[in-house]
C-alpha cells in the first residue's frame, strides 16, 4: 500500500512540480498540527501530565497512520488547483 502511495506522490511531483509540493506540505502541516492539538487536548482532559515531546510522539503516531489519507487528498486536490493557478497566470 505504501509503495503504491509513494509512486503516486512521486508521479504527481514530476507532473505538477511546485504546486504538488505545496499541496503536500500543506496537508503535512495541517495534518500534524491537527493531530498535535487533538493529542494535547485528549491528554489534558484525561488528567495526564505530559511533556511537549510526549504529545508530539502521540500525534506523530496518529499522523503516520494517516499517510494514505494525505496521499489521497494530495492526489485529489493538486490537479484542480494546478489548473486554476494556470488559468490565473494566463
N, C-alpha and C. Protein backbone atom coordinates (compact mmCIF):
# COMPACT_ATOMS: atom_id res chain seq x y z
N UNK A 1 0.83 -1.19 0.00
CA UNK A 1 0.00 0.00 0.00
C UNK A 1 0.87 1.25 0.00
N UNK A 2 1.92 1.27 0.83
CA UNK A 2 2.74 2.46 0.91
C UNK A 2 3.59 2.65 -0.35
N UNK A 3 3.99 1.55 -1.00
CA UNK A 3 4.77 1.68 -2.24
C UNK A 3 3.92 2.33 -3.33
N UNK A 4 2.66 1.91 -3.43
CA UNK A 4 1.77 2.49 -4.43
C UNK A 4 1.52 3.97 -4.15
N UNK A 5 1.35 4.30 -2.87
CA UNK A 5 1.13 5.70 -2.50
C UNK A 5 2.37 6.53 -2.79
N UNK A 6 3.54 5.96 -2.52
CA UNK A 6 4.78 6.69 -2.78
C UNK A 6 4.97 6.93 -4.28
N UNK A 7 4.64 5.94 -5.10
CA UNK A 7 4.78 6.14 -6.54
C UNK A 7 3.77 7.15 -7.06
N UNK A 8 2.57 7.19 -6.46
CA UNK A 8 1.58 8.19 -6.86
C UNK A 8 2.06 9.60 -6.54
N UNK A 9 2.64 9.78 -5.37
CA UNK A 9 3.16 11.09 -4.97
C UNK A 9 4.34 11.49 -5.86
N UNK A 10 5.24 10.54 -6.14
CA UNK A 10 6.39 10.84 -7.00
C UNK A 10 5.94 11.27 -8.39
N UNK A 11 4.98 10.56 -8.95
CA UNK A 11 4.45 10.92 -10.27
C UNK A 11 3.79 12.30 -10.22
N UNK A 12 3.06 12.57 -9.17
CA UNK A 12 2.40 13.86 -9.02
C UNK A 12 3.42 14.99 -8.95
N UNK A 13 4.50 14.78 -8.19
CA UNK A 13 5.55 15.79 -8.08
C UNK A 13 6.21 16.05 -9.43
N UNK A 14 6.44 15.00 -10.20
CA UNK A 14 7.05 15.16 -11.52
C UNK A 14 6.11 15.88 -12.48
N UNK A 15 4.82 15.61 -12.37
CA UNK A 15 3.85 16.20 -13.30
C UNK A 15 3.52 17.64 -12.95
N UNK A 16 3.27 17.93 -11.68
CA UNK A 16 2.77 19.25 -11.29
C UNK A 16 3.81 20.11 -10.56
N UNK A 17 4.96 19.58 -10.26
CA UNK A 17 6.06 20.36 -9.68
C UNK A 17 5.74 21.02 -8.36
N UNK A 18 6.00 22.32 -8.29
CA UNK A 18 5.90 23.06 -7.04
C UNK A 18 4.47 23.10 -6.49
N UNK A 19 3.49 23.02 -7.37
CA UNK A 19 2.10 23.00 -6.90
C UNK A 19 1.84 21.75 -6.07
N UNK A 20 2.30 20.61 -6.54
CA UNK A 20 2.12 19.36 -5.80
C UNK A 20 2.89 19.40 -4.48
N UNK A 21 4.08 19.96 -4.51
CA UNK A 21 4.87 20.06 -3.27
C UNK A 21 4.15 20.96 -2.26
N UNK A 22 3.59 22.05 -2.73
CA UNK A 22 2.88 22.97 -1.83
C UNK A 22 1.64 22.30 -1.22
N UNK A 23 0.90 21.55 -2.03
CA UNK A 23 -0.28 20.86 -1.51
C UNK A 23 0.15 19.79 -0.50
N UNK A 24 1.22 19.05 -0.82
CA UNK A 24 1.70 18.01 0.09
C UNK A 24 2.15 18.61 1.42
N UNK A 25 2.90 19.70 1.36
CA UNK A 25 3.35 20.33 2.60
C UNK A 25 2.18 20.90 3.40
N UNK A 26 1.19 21.41 2.71
CA UNK A 26 0.00 21.93 3.40
C UNK A 26 -0.73 20.80 4.12
N UNK A 27 -0.91 19.65 3.45
CA UNK A 27 -1.56 18.52 4.12
C UNK A 27 -0.71 18.02 5.27
N UNK A 28 0.60 18.10 5.15
CA UNK A 28 1.50 17.68 6.22
C UNK A 28 1.34 18.58 7.44
N UNK A 29 1.41 19.88 7.23
CA UNK A 29 1.33 20.83 8.34
C UNK A 29 -0.04 20.79 9.01
N UNK A 30 -1.09 20.82 8.20
CA UNK A 30 -2.44 20.79 8.75
C UNK A 30 -2.70 19.45 9.46
N UNK A 31 -2.25 18.36 8.87
CA UNK A 31 -2.45 17.04 9.48
C UNK A 31 -1.72 16.90 10.79
N UNK A 32 -0.44 17.22 10.81
CA UNK A 32 0.32 17.07 12.06
C UNK A 32 -0.17 18.06 13.12
N UNK A 33 -0.45 19.27 12.70
CA UNK A 33 -0.98 20.26 13.65
C UNK A 33 -2.29 19.83 14.26
N UNK A 34 -3.17 19.28 13.43
CA UNK A 34 -4.46 18.80 13.93
C UNK A 34 -4.30 17.65 14.90
N UNK A 35 -3.42 16.70 14.57
CA UNK A 35 -3.19 15.58 15.47
C UNK A 35 -2.51 16.04 16.76
N UNK A 36 -1.61 17.01 16.66
CA UNK A 36 -0.95 17.52 17.86
C UNK A 36 -1.97 18.18 18.79
N UNK A 37 -2.83 19.02 18.23
CA UNK A 37 -3.85 19.67 19.06
C UNK A 37 -4.81 18.65 19.65
N UNK A 38 -5.18 17.65 18.88
CA UNK A 38 -6.07 16.61 19.39
C UNK A 38 -5.42 15.83 20.52
N UNK A 39 -4.15 15.48 20.35
CA UNK A 39 -3.43 14.73 21.39
C UNK A 39 -3.27 15.58 22.65
N UNK A 40 -2.95 16.86 22.47
CA UNK A 40 -2.79 17.74 23.62
C UNK A 40 -4.10 17.89 24.38
N UNK A 41 -5.18 18.04 23.65
CA UNK A 41 -6.50 18.16 24.29
C UNK A 41 -6.89 16.87 24.99
N UNK A 42 -6.67 15.74 24.34
CA UNK A 42 -7.03 14.45 24.94
C UNK A 42 -6.20 14.17 26.20
N UNK A 43 -4.91 14.48 26.15
CA UNK A 43 -4.07 14.24 27.31
C UNK A 43 -4.39 15.19 28.46
N UNK A 44 -4.72 16.42 28.13
CA UNK A 44 -5.01 17.39 29.20
C UNK A 44 -6.35 17.11 29.87
N UNK A 45 -7.34 16.67 29.09
CA UNK A 45 -8.65 16.40 29.68
C UNK A 45 -8.67 15.10 30.47
N UNK A 46 -7.72 14.19 30.16
CA UNK A 46 -7.67 12.93 30.90
C UNK A 46 -6.88 13.08 32.20
N UNK A 47 -6.30 14.24 32.42
CA UNK A 47 -5.55 14.49 33.65
C UNK A 47 -4.13 13.96 33.62
N UNK A 48 -3.65 13.55 32.47
CA UNK A 48 -2.30 13.03 32.35
C UNK A 48 -1.33 14.19 32.17
N UNK A 49 -0.29 14.21 33.00
CA UNK A 49 0.76 15.21 32.82
C UNK A 49 1.67 14.74 31.69
N UNK A 50 1.78 15.53 30.65
CA UNK A 50 2.62 15.13 29.52
C UNK A 50 3.48 16.29 29.08
N UNK A 51 4.67 15.94 28.59
CA UNK A 51 5.56 16.97 28.07
C UNK A 51 5.22 17.22 26.60
N UNK A 52 5.85 18.21 26.08
CA UNK A 52 5.66 18.55 24.65
C UNK A 52 6.09 17.37 23.77
N UNK A 53 7.16 16.68 24.17
CA UNK A 53 7.68 15.56 23.38
C UNK A 53 6.73 14.37 23.41
N UNK A 54 6.10 14.13 24.56
CA UNK A 54 5.14 13.03 24.64
C UNK A 54 3.91 13.31 23.78
N UNK A 55 3.47 14.54 23.81
CA UNK A 55 2.33 14.94 22.97
C UNK A 55 2.69 14.81 21.50
N UNK A 56 3.89 15.25 21.15
CA UNK A 56 4.34 15.16 19.75
C UNK A 56 4.46 13.71 19.32
N UNK A 57 4.93 12.83 20.20
CA UNK A 57 5.05 11.41 19.86
C UNK A 57 3.67 10.79 19.62
N UNK A 58 2.73 11.13 20.47
CA UNK A 58 1.37 10.62 20.29
C UNK A 58 0.77 11.13 18.98
N UNK A 59 1.00 12.40 18.69
CA UNK A 59 0.49 12.99 17.45
C UNK A 59 1.16 12.36 16.24
N UNK A 60 2.45 12.10 16.33
CA UNK A 60 3.18 11.52 15.21
C UNK A 60 2.69 10.11 14.89
N UNK A 61 2.37 9.35 15.93
CA UNK A 61 1.85 8.00 15.72
C UNK A 61 0.56 8.03 14.90
N UNK A 62 -0.34 8.90 15.26
CA UNK A 62 -1.59 9.03 14.50
C UNK A 62 -1.33 9.61 13.11
N UNK A 63 -0.39 10.53 13.04
CA UNK A 63 -0.05 11.18 11.77
C UNK A 63 0.48 10.17 10.75
N UNK A 64 1.33 9.26 11.19
CA UNK A 64 1.89 8.26 10.29
C UNK A 64 0.78 7.36 9.75
N UNK A 65 -0.18 7.03 10.59
CA UNK A 65 -1.28 6.18 10.14
C UNK A 65 -2.17 6.88 9.12
N UNK A 66 -2.13 8.19 9.09
CA UNK A 66 -2.97 8.94 8.14
C UNK A 66 -2.29 9.14 6.78
N UNK A 67 -1.14 8.54 6.56
CA UNK A 67 -0.40 8.72 5.31
C UNK A 67 -1.24 8.44 4.06
N UNK A 68 -1.96 7.31 4.00
CA UNK A 68 -2.76 7.06 2.78
C UNK A 68 -3.85 8.12 2.56
N UNK A 69 -4.39 8.65 3.63
CA UNK A 69 -5.41 9.69 3.50
C UNK A 69 -4.79 10.98 2.96
N UNK A 70 -3.60 11.32 3.46
CA UNK A 70 -2.93 12.53 2.98
C UNK A 70 -2.51 12.40 1.53
N UNK A 71 -2.09 11.20 1.13
CA UNK A 71 -1.74 10.97 -0.28
C UNK A 71 -2.98 11.14 -1.15
N UNK A 72 -4.08 10.54 -0.72
CA UNK A 72 -5.33 10.67 -1.48
C UNK A 72 -5.78 12.11 -1.60
N UNK A 73 -5.67 12.86 -0.51
CA UNK A 73 -6.05 14.27 -0.55
C UNK A 73 -5.15 15.05 -1.50
N UNK A 74 -3.86 14.76 -1.47
CA UNK A 74 -2.93 15.47 -2.35
C UNK A 74 -3.21 15.14 -3.81
N UNK A 75 -3.45 13.85 -4.09
CA UNK A 75 -3.74 13.44 -5.48
C UNK A 75 -5.05 14.06 -5.96
N UNK A 76 -6.02 14.17 -5.08
CA UNK A 76 -7.32 14.73 -5.48
C UNK A 76 -7.28 16.25 -5.63
N UNK A 77 -6.52 16.93 -4.79
CA UNK A 77 -6.53 18.40 -4.79
C UNK A 77 -5.55 19.05 -5.76
N UNK A 78 -4.45 18.37 -6.07
CA UNK A 78 -3.41 19.01 -6.89
C UNK A 78 -3.85 19.33 -8.32
N UNK A 79 -4.41 18.40 -9.10
CA UNK A 79 -4.76 18.75 -10.49
C UNK A 79 -5.74 19.92 -10.62
N UNK A 80 -6.84 19.97 -9.84
CA UNK A 80 -7.72 21.14 -9.99
C UNK A 80 -7.05 22.44 -9.55
N UNK A 81 -6.23 22.37 -8.53
CA UNK A 81 -5.52 23.57 -8.08
C UNK A 81 -4.52 24.04 -9.13
N UNK A 82 -3.79 23.11 -9.73
CA UNK A 82 -2.84 23.47 -10.77
C UNK A 82 -3.54 24.09 -11.97
N UNK A 83 -4.71 23.54 -12.33
CA UNK A 83 -5.48 24.09 -13.44
C UNK A 83 -5.95 25.51 -13.12
N UNK A 84 -6.43 25.71 -11.92
CA UNK A 84 -6.88 27.04 -11.52
C UNK A 84 -5.72 28.05 -11.51
N UNK A 85 -4.57 27.63 -11.00
CA UNK A 85 -3.40 28.53 -10.99
C UNK A 85 -2.95 28.84 -12.41
N UNK A 86 -3.02 27.86 -13.30
CA UNK A 86 -2.65 28.08 -14.69
C UNK A 86 -3.59 29.10 -15.34
N UNK A 87 -4.87 29.01 -15.05
CA UNK A 87 -5.83 29.97 -15.61
C UNK A 87 -5.59 31.38 -15.06
N UNK A 88 -5.21 31.47 -13.80
CA UNK A 88 -4.94 32.78 -13.22
C UNK A 88 -3.71 33.44 -13.84
N UNK A 89 -2.71 32.63 -14.19
CA UNK A 89 -1.48 33.15 -14.78
C UNK A 89 -1.69 33.65 -16.21
N UNK A 90 -2.62 33.05 -16.92
CA UNK A 90 -2.79 33.45 -18.33
C UNK A 90 -3.89 34.44 -18.53
